[in-house]
Amino acid sequence: MLFRLENLSHKYSDGTLALDNISLSFAKGERIALLGPNGSGKTTLLLHLNGILKPTAGRIYFEDKPLEYSPKALLELRRRVGFVFQDPNDQLFAPTV
């Protein structure tokens, strides 16, 4: 499996529960569609797959290995798993490129 999520939950600091006990897996080459209304957790789920967010509970596996959140491990993950934000302004972290 490329990604496997087991009992993944995420609660934001304001108490909003965005993901509640999600379990799913998908293989390399598989195409997945995430559908749902605004605020249903689609973006939150995708941010976990890149390590941008850390789960409140549960585990994420990438290529059958538990996701690690050390700077070195995240750098390696992000070399292989990209994320493009809907609003390009959200991707710029400095006033100059």
C-alpha atoms as a PDB file:
ATOM      1  CA  MET A   1       0.000   0.000   0.000  1.00  0.00           C
ATOM      2  CA  LEU A   2       1.177   3.494  -0.761  1.00  0.00           C
ATOM      3  CA  PHE A   3      -0.800   5.034   2.120  1.00  0.00           C
ATOM      4  CA  ARG A   4      -2.678   3.394   4.960  1.00  0.00           C
ATOM      5  CA  LEU A   5      -4.543   5.347   7.625  1.00  0.00           C
ATOM      6  CA  GLU A   6      -5.673   3.625  10.797  1.00  0.00           C
ATOM      7  CA  ASN A   7      -8.200   5.284  13.106  1.00  0.00           C
ATOM      8  CA  LEU A   8      -7.005   8.762  12.108  1.00  0.00           C
ATOM      9  CA  SER A   9      -8.518  11.669  14.028  1.00  0.00           C
ATOM     10  CA  HIS A  10      -7.686  15.354  14.024  1.00  0.00           C
ATOM     11  CA  LYS A  11      -8.975  18.021  16.373  1.00  0.00           C
ATOM     12  CA  TYR A  12      -7.991  21.640  15.761  1.00  0.00           C
ATOM     13  CA  SER A  13      -6.872  23.851  18.653  1.00  0.00           C
ATOM     14  CA  ASP A  14     -10.306  25.520  18.762  1.00  0.00           C
ATOM     15  CA  GLY A  15     -11.863  22.111  19.496  1.00  0.00           C
ATOM     16  CA  THR A  16     -13.230  21.455  16.002  1.00  0.00           C
ATOM     17  CA  LEU A  17     -13.114  17.738  15.208  1.00  0.00           C
ATOM     18  CA  ALA A  18     -12.179  17.619  11.513  1.00  0.00           C
ATOM     19  CA  LEU A  19     -11.451  13.884  11.192  1.00  0.00           C
ATOM     20  CA  ASP A  20     -12.987  11.221  13.394  1.00  0.00           C
ATOM     21  CA  ASN A  21     -11.551   7.700  13.346  1.00  0.00           C
ATOM     22  CA  ILE A  22     -10.830   7.458   9.589  1.00  0.00           C
ATOM     23  CA  SER A  23      -9.368   4.220   8.245  1.00  0.00           C
ATOM     24  CA  LEU A  24      -8.531   3.776   4.563  1.00  0.00           C
ATOM     25  CA  SER A  25      -5.772   2.661   2.251  1.00  0.00           C
ATOM     26  CA  PHE A  26      -4.805   3.146  -1.353  1.00  0.00           C
ATOM     27  CA  ALA A  27      -2.155   1.650  -3.583  1.00  0.00           C
ATOM     28  CA  LYS A  28       0.361   3.243  -5.929  1.00  0.00           C
ATOM     29  CA  GLY A  29      -1.281   4.141  -9.232  1.00  0.00           C
ATOM     30  CA  GLU A  30      -4.777   4.074  -7.775  1.00  0.00           C
ATOM     31  CA  ARG A  31      -6.887   7.168  -8.422  1.00  0.00           C
ATOM     32  CA  ILE A  32      -8.910   8.484  -5.524  1.00  0.00           C
ATOM     33  CA  ALA A  33     -11.611  11.167  -5.470  1.00  0.00           C
ATOM     34  CA  LEU A  34     -12.328  12.950  -2.201  1.00  0.00           C
ATOM     35  CA  LEU A  35     -15.789  14.458  -2.367  1.00  0.00           C
ATOM     36  CA  GLY A  36     -17.730  16.368   0.237  1.00  0.00           C
ATOM     37  CA  PRO A  37     -19.093  19.750   1.221  1.00  0.00           C
ATOM     38  CA  ASN A  38     -16.996  22.616   2.551  1.00  0.00           C
ATOM     39  CA  GLY A  39     -15.668  21.860   6.008  1.00  0.00           C
ATOM     40  CA  SER A  40     -16.000  18.083   5.717  1.00  0.00           C
ATOM     41  CA  GLY A  41     -12.269  17.411   6.253  1.00  0.00           C
ATOM     42  CA  LYS A  42     -10.963  16.801   2.726  1.00  0.00           C
ATOM     43  CA  THR A  43      -8.093  19.279   2.955  1.00  0.00           C
ATOM     44  CA  THR A  44      -7.324  18.270   6.538  1.00  0.00           C
ATOM     45  CA  LEU A  45      -6.965  14.660   5.403  1.00  0.00           C
ATOM     46  CA  LEU A  46      -4.628  15.611   2.541  1.00  0.00           C
ATOM     47  CA  LEU A  47      -2.490  17.792   4.813  1.00  0.00           C
ATOM     48  CA  HIS A  48      -1.860  14.707   6.953  1.00  0.00           C
ATOM     49  CA  LEU A  49      -0.554  12.724   3.970  1.00  0.00           C
ATOM     50  CA  ASN A  50       2.229  15.270   3.481  1.00  0.00           C
ATOM     51  CA  GLY A  51       3.030  15.578   7.188  1.00  0.00           C
ATOM     52  CA  ILE A  52       1.903  19.206   7.332  1.00  0.00           C
ATOM     53  CA  LEU A  53      -0.560  18.237  10.069  1.00  0.00           C
ATOM     54  CA  LYS A  54       0.045  15.652  12.768  1.00  0.00           C
ATOM     55  CA  PRO A  55      -2.882  13.456  13.827  1.00  0.00           C
ATOM     56  CA  THR A  56      -4.527  13.892  17.207  1.00  0.00           C
ATOM     57  CA  ALA A  57      -4.986  10.111  17.233  1.00  0.00           C
ATOM     58  CA  GLY A  58      -4.350   7.182  14.911  1.00  0.00           C
ATOM     59  CA  ARG A  59      -1.506   6.219  12.596  1.00  0.00           C
ATOM     60  CA  ILE A  60      -0.466   6.975   9.028  1.00  0.00           C
ATOM     61  CA  TYR A  61       1.718   4.570   7.057  1.00  0.00           C
ATOM     62  CA  PHE A  62       3.567   5.481   3.855  1.00  0.00           C
ATOM     63  CA  GLU A  63       4.840   2.484   1.891  1.00  0.00           C
ATOM     64  CA  ASP A  64       4.072   0.283   4.927  1.00  0.00           C
ATOM     65  CA  LYS A  65       6.244   2.349   7.292  1.00  0.00           C
ATOM     66  CA  PRO A  66       4.799   4.557  10.045  1.00  0.00           C
ATOM     67  CA  LEU A  67       4.989   8.241   9.178  1.00  0.00           C
ATOM     68  CA  GLU A  68       7.673   9.969  11.226  1.00  0.00           C
ATOM     69  CA  TYR A  69       7.637  13.668  12.041  1.00  0.00           C
ATOM     70  CA  SER A  70      11.341  14.400  12.479  1.00  0.00           C
ATOM     71  CA  PRO A  71      12.653  17.144  10.162  1.00  0.00           C
ATOM     72  CA  LYS A  72      14.752  14.604   8.238  1.00  0.00           C
ATOM     73  CA  ALA A  73      11.845  12.179   7.766  1.00  0.00           C
ATOM     74  CA  LEU A  74       9.466  14.969   6.716  1.00  0.00           C
ATOM     75  CA  LEU A  75      11.977  16.282   4.182  1.00  0.00           C
ATOM     76  CA  GLU A  76      12.226  12.829   2.597  1.00  0.00           C
ATOM     77  CA  LEU A  77       8.431  12.403   2.586  1.00  0.00           C
ATOM     78  CA  ARG A  78       7.905  15.817   0.981  1.00  0.00           C
ATOM     79  CA  ARG A  79      10.411  14.978  -1.742  1.00  0.00           C
ATOM     80  CA  ARG A  80       8.058  12.190  -2.751  1.00  0.00           C
ATOM     81  CA  VAL A  81       4.623  13.534  -1.815  1.00  0.00           C
ATOM     82  CA  GLY A  82       3.759  17.011  -3.031  1.00  0.00           C
ATOM     83  CA  PHE A  83       0.880  19.247  -2.062  1.00  0.00           C
ATOM     84  CA  VAL A  84      -0.402  22.193  -4.090  1.00  0.00           C
ATOM     85  CA  PHE A  85      -2.688  24.576  -2.239  1.00  0.00           C
ATOM     86  CA  GLN A  86      -5.816  25.854  -3.981  1.00  0.00           C
ATOM     87  CA  ASP A  87      -4.788  29.474  -3.360  1.00  0.00           C
ATOM     88  CA  PRO A  88      -1.227  30.146  -4.622  1.00  0.00           C
ATOM     89  CA  ASN A  89      -0.782  32.858  -1.970  1.00  0.00           C
ATOM     90  CA  ASP A  90      -0.958  30.129   0.700  1.00  0.00           C
ATOM     91  CA  GLN A  91       2.206  28.537  -0.728  1.00  0.00           C
ATOM     92  CA  LEU A  92       4.446  31.562  -0.387  1.00  0.00           C
ATOM     93  CA  PHE A  93       6.065  31.898   3.005  1.00  0.00           C
ATOM     94  CA  ALA A  94       8.175  34.981   2.282  1.00  0.00           C
ATOM     95  CA  PRO A  95       7.535  38.304   0.550  1.00  0.00           C
ATOM     96  CA  THR A  96      10.064  37.441  -2.186  1.00  0.00           C
ATOM     97  CA  VAL A  97      10.711  34.312  -4.196  1.00  0.00           C
END
